[in-house]
Amino acid sequence: MANEIANIERPMYYAISNYGNENVTEWAPSFAQSWRTSLDVQWGEHTNSFYNVQSNFIRNQVKREVAGPGGFNDPDMLLIGAVDDMTKEE
């Protein structure tokens, strides 16, 4: 797929989503513009939403040196206004 994308004659944003598995930060920066570094954020009954967001944030920092202009670590989503168990500060 990377070879085909390289042959496209227009700008393209390519995002890898494998939930941070398979050492994605080792190989994705060579051809993608973003790559998931963590699992989906879980929320709902019996779930600590802030813990999940915080966990993804921390996991995103592990390979921060590979991110920069043209390529970014993607920790998944922000739960702004989506859950009731997080404070505004969280």
N, C-alpha and C. Protein backbone atom coordinates (compact mmCIF):
# COMPACT_ATOMS: atom_id res chain seq x y z
N MET A 1 0.82 -1.18 0.00
CA MET A 1 0.00 0.00 0.00
C MET A 1 0.87 1.26 0.00
N ALA A 2 1.95 1.21 0.76
CA ALA A 2 2.84 2.37 0.82
C ALA A 2 3.39 2.72 -0.57
N ASN A 3 3.72 1.72 -1.36
CA ASN A 3 4.24 1.97 -2.71
C ASN A 3 3.19 2.63 -3.59
N GLU A 4 1.96 2.18 -3.50
CA GLU A 4 0.88 2.78 -4.29
C GLU A 4 0.63 4.22 -3.87
N ILE A 5 0.65 4.47 -2.58
CA ILE A 5 0.45 5.84 -2.09
C ILE A 5 1.57 6.75 -2.58
N ALA A 6 2.78 6.24 -2.61
CA ALA A 6 3.92 7.04 -3.09
C ALA A 6 3.75 7.45 -4.54
N ASN A 7 2.99 6.69 -5.33
CA ASN A 7 2.77 7.00 -6.74
C ASN A 7 1.62 7.97 -6.99
N ILE A 8 0.88 8.32 -5.97
CA ILE A 8 -0.23 9.26 -6.14
C ILE A 8 0.33 10.66 -6.35
N GLU A 9 -0.20 11.37 -7.31
CA GLU A 9 0.34 12.68 -7.66
C GLU A 9 -0.40 13.84 -7.01
N ARG A 10 -0.90 13.64 -5.82
CA ARG A 10 -1.54 14.71 -5.07
C ARG A 10 -1.21 14.52 -3.59
N PRO A 11 -1.33 15.57 -2.80
CA PRO A 11 -1.06 15.41 -1.36
C PRO A 11 -2.05 14.42 -0.74
N MET A 12 -1.56 13.66 0.20
CA MET A 12 -2.40 12.67 0.86
C MET A 12 -1.99 12.54 2.31
N TYR A 13 -2.97 12.42 3.19
CA TYR A 13 -2.72 12.18 4.61
C TYR A 13 -3.03 10.72 4.88
N TYR A 14 -2.03 9.98 5.28
CA TYR A 14 -2.18 8.54 5.50
C TYR A 14 -2.05 8.25 6.99
N ALA A 15 -3.08 7.68 7.59
CA ALA A 15 -3.09 7.37 9.01
C ALA A 15 -3.15 5.86 9.21
N ILE A 16 -2.27 5.34 10.05
CA ILE A 16 -2.23 3.93 10.38
C ILE A 16 -3.01 3.72 11.68
N SER A 17 -3.90 2.76 11.70
CA SER A 17 -4.64 2.46 12.93
C SER A 17 -4.57 0.97 13.23
N ASN A 18 -3.60 0.62 14.05
CA ASN A 18 -3.50 -0.76 14.52
C ASN A 18 -3.41 -0.79 16.04
N TYR A 19 -3.92 0.27 16.65
CA TYR A 19 -4.01 0.38 18.11
C TYR A 19 -2.66 0.33 18.80
N GLY A 20 -1.62 0.80 18.13
CA GLY A 20 -0.30 0.85 18.74
C GLY A 20 0.43 -0.47 18.79
N ASN A 21 -0.09 -1.46 18.12
CA ASN A 21 0.54 -2.79 18.14
C ASN A 21 1.66 -2.90 17.11
N GLU A 22 2.40 -3.98 17.19
CA GLU A 22 3.42 -4.33 16.20
C GLU A 22 4.49 -3.25 16.03
N ASN A 23 4.85 -2.60 17.12
CA ASN A 23 5.90 -1.57 17.10
C ASN A 23 5.65 -0.53 16.02
N VAL A 24 4.43 -0.04 15.94
CA VAL A 24 4.04 0.88 14.87
C VAL A 24 4.94 2.11 14.79
N THR A 25 5.45 2.58 15.91
CA THR A 25 6.31 3.77 15.89
C THR A 25 7.67 3.50 15.25
N GLU A 26 8.00 2.24 15.04
CA GLU A 26 9.26 1.89 14.40
C GLU A 26 9.18 1.98 12.87
N TRP A 27 8.03 1.67 12.29
CA TRP A 27 7.94 1.59 10.82
C TRP A 27 6.97 2.59 10.19
N ALA A 28 5.95 3.00 10.88
CA ALA A 28 4.95 3.89 10.27
C ALA A 28 5.49 5.26 9.90
N PRO A 29 6.38 5.88 10.67
CA PRO A 29 6.85 7.21 10.30
C PRO A 29 7.54 7.30 8.93
N SER A 30 7.96 6.17 8.39
CA SER A 30 8.63 6.21 7.08
C SER A 30 7.67 6.48 5.93
N PHE A 31 6.35 6.30 6.14
CA PHE A 31 5.42 6.54 5.03
C PHE A 31 4.05 7.07 5.44
N ALA A 32 3.74 7.13 6.73
CA ALA A 32 2.43 7.64 7.17
C ALA A 32 2.60 8.98 7.86
N GLN A 33 1.49 9.71 7.97
CA GLN A 33 1.52 11.01 8.64
C GLN A 33 1.01 10.91 10.08
N SER A 34 0.33 9.84 10.43
CA SER A 34 -0.04 9.59 11.82
C SER A 34 -0.24 8.10 12.03
N TRP A 35 -0.11 7.70 13.28
CA TRP A 35 -0.22 6.28 13.63
C TRP A 35 -0.75 6.19 15.05
N ARG A 36 -1.69 5.29 15.24
CA ARG A 36 -2.27 5.09 16.56
C ARG A 36 -1.22 4.49 17.48
N THR A 37 -1.18 5.00 18.70
CA THR A 37 -0.22 4.52 19.69
C THR A 37 -0.89 3.82 20.87
N SER A 38 -2.22 3.69 20.81
CA SER A 38 -2.93 3.13 21.96
C SER A 38 -4.26 2.51 21.55
N LEU A 39 -4.87 1.83 22.51
CA LEU A 39 -6.17 1.23 22.30
C LEU A 39 -7.27 2.29 22.31
N ASP A 40 -8.48 1.90 21.93
CA ASP A 40 -9.62 2.81 22.02
C ASP A 40 -9.82 3.22 23.47
N VAL A 41 -10.23 4.46 23.67
CA VAL A 41 -10.61 4.92 24.99
C VAL A 41 -11.94 4.26 25.35
N GLN A 42 -11.99 3.67 26.51
CA GLN A 42 -13.21 3.01 26.97
C GLN A 42 -13.94 3.94 27.93
N TRP A 43 -15.25 3.96 27.84
CA TRP A 43 -16.04 4.71 28.80
C TRP A 43 -17.38 4.02 28.97
N GLY A 44 -18.05 4.42 30.02
CA GLY A 44 -19.35 3.83 30.29
C GLY A 44 -19.44 3.35 31.73
N GLU A 45 -20.50 2.66 32.04
CA GLU A 45 -20.72 2.17 33.39
C GLU A 45 -19.58 1.24 33.80
N HIS A 46 -19.11 1.42 35.02
CA HIS A 46 -18.04 0.62 35.61
C HIS A 46 -16.68 0.87 34.93
N THR A 47 -16.52 2.00 34.31
CA THR A 47 -15.26 2.35 33.65
C THR A 47 -14.80 3.71 34.15
N ASN A 48 -13.52 3.85 34.39
CA ASN A 48 -12.95 5.13 34.79
C ASN A 48 -12.44 5.81 33.53
N SER A 49 -13.23 6.72 32.98
CA SER A 49 -12.89 7.37 31.71
C SER A 49 -11.57 8.11 31.79
N PHE A 50 -11.34 8.84 32.88
CA PHE A 50 -10.10 9.60 32.99
C PHE A 50 -8.89 8.68 32.99
N TYR A 51 -8.98 7.55 33.69
CA TYR A 51 -7.87 6.60 33.70
C TYR A 51 -7.55 6.15 32.27
N ASN A 52 -8.58 5.88 31.48
CA ASN A 52 -8.36 5.44 30.10
C ASN A 52 -7.70 6.52 29.25
N VAL A 53 -8.17 7.75 29.37
CA VAL A 53 -7.56 8.86 28.62
C VAL A 53 -6.12 9.07 29.07
N GLN A 54 -5.91 9.05 30.39
CA GLN A 54 -4.57 9.24 30.93
C GLN A 54 -3.62 8.12 30.48
N SER A 55 -4.09 6.90 30.50
CA SER A 55 -3.29 5.77 30.07
C SER A 55 -2.85 5.93 28.61
N ASN A 56 -3.78 6.34 27.75
CA ASN A 56 -3.43 6.55 26.34
C ASN A 56 -2.46 7.71 26.18
N PHE A 57 -2.62 8.75 26.97
CA PHE A 57 -1.69 9.89 26.92
C PHE A 57 -0.28 9.43 27.28
N ILE A 58 -0.17 8.66 28.35
CA ILE A 58 1.14 8.18 28.79
C ILE A 58 1.75 7.25 27.73
N ARG A 59 0.96 6.35 27.20
CA ARG A 59 1.46 5.44 26.16
C ARG A 59 1.92 6.21 24.92
N ASN A 60 1.26 7.32 24.64
CA ASN A 60 1.61 8.15 23.50
C ASN A 60 2.98 8.82 23.68
N GLN A 61 3.37 9.06 24.93
CA GLN A 61 4.63 9.75 25.22
C GLN A 61 5.85 8.85 25.09
N VAL A 62 5.65 7.55 25.12
CA VAL A 62 6.78 6.61 25.13
C VAL A 62 7.70 6.82 23.92
N LYS A 63 7.13 7.03 22.76
CA LYS A 63 7.94 7.23 21.55
C LYS A 63 7.74 8.64 20.99
N ARG A 64 7.76 9.62 21.87
CA ARG A 64 7.51 11.01 21.44
C ARG A 64 8.56 11.51 20.45
N GLU A 65 9.75 10.94 20.49
CA GLU A 65 10.82 11.44 19.61
C GLU A 65 10.56 11.13 18.13
N VAL A 66 9.68 10.20 17.82
CA VAL A 66 9.40 9.90 16.41
C VAL A 66 8.37 10.85 15.81
N ALA A 67 7.68 11.59 16.66
CA ALA A 67 6.66 12.53 16.19
C ALA A 67 7.29 13.90 15.90
N GLY A 68 6.72 14.60 14.95
CA GLY A 68 7.20 15.92 14.62
C GLY A 68 6.58 16.38 13.32
N PRO A 69 7.12 17.41 12.72
CA PRO A 69 6.55 17.90 11.47
C PRO A 69 6.40 16.77 10.44
N GLY A 70 5.17 16.58 9.98
CA GLY A 70 4.91 15.57 8.97
C GLY A 70 4.49 14.22 9.48
N GLY A 71 4.57 13.97 10.80
CA GLY A 71 4.18 12.68 11.35
C GLY A 71 3.90 12.75 12.83
N PHE A 72 2.77 12.17 13.23
CA PHE A 72 2.33 12.36 14.61
C PHE A 72 1.83 11.08 15.27
N ASN A 73 2.16 10.92 16.55
CA ASN A 73 1.58 9.88 17.37
C ASN A 73 0.11 10.23 17.59
N ASP A 74 -0.76 9.26 17.50
CA ASP A 74 -2.20 9.48 17.65
C ASP A 74 -2.72 8.65 18.82
N PRO A 75 -3.05 9.31 19.97
CA PRO A 75 -3.49 8.57 21.14
C PRO A 75 -4.97 8.21 21.11
N ASP A 76 -5.66 8.38 20.05
CA ASP A 76 -7.08 8.07 19.86
C ASP A 76 -7.90 9.33 20.05
N MET A 77 -8.84 9.33 20.96
CA MET A 77 -9.81 10.41 21.00
C MET A 77 -9.82 11.15 22.32
N LEU A 78 -10.37 12.35 22.26
CA LEU A 78 -10.64 13.12 23.46
C LEU A 78 -12.12 12.98 23.78
N LEU A 79 -12.44 12.87 25.05
CA LEU A 79 -13.83 12.67 25.44
C LEU A 79 -14.46 13.97 25.92
N ILE A 80 -14.30 15.01 25.16
CA ILE A 80 -14.84 16.31 25.54
C ILE A 80 -16.36 16.28 25.43
N GLY A 81 -17.03 16.43 26.58
CA GLY A 81 -18.48 16.44 26.61
C GLY A 81 -19.15 15.11 26.35
N ALA A 82 -18.38 14.03 26.25
CA ALA A 82 -18.95 12.73 25.90
C ALA A 82 -19.28 11.87 27.11
N VAL A 83 -18.71 12.20 28.27
CA VAL A 83 -18.92 11.36 29.44
C VAL A 83 -19.28 12.21 30.65
N ASP A 84 -19.93 11.58 31.62
CA ASP A 84 -20.34 12.29 32.83
C ASP A 84 -19.39 12.06 34.00
N ASP A 85 -18.47 11.11 33.90
CA ASP A 85 -17.63 10.78 35.06
C ASP A 85 -16.28 11.49 35.06
N MET A 86 -16.09 12.47 34.16
CA MET A 86 -14.86 13.25 34.17
C MET A 86 -15.17 14.70 34.50
N THR A 87 -14.26 15.33 35.25
CA THR A 87 -14.44 16.75 35.57
C THR A 87 -13.99 17.59 34.39
N LYS A 88 -14.29 18.86 34.43
CA LYS A 88 -13.85 19.76 33.36
C LYS A 88 -12.32 19.81 33.29
N GLU A 89 -11.66 19.73 34.44
CA GLU A 89 -10.20 19.75 34.47
C GLU A 89 -9.61 18.51 33.82
N GLU A 90 -10.26 17.37 34.09
CA GLU A 90 -9.77 16.13 33.49
C GLU A 90 -9.97 16.15 32.00
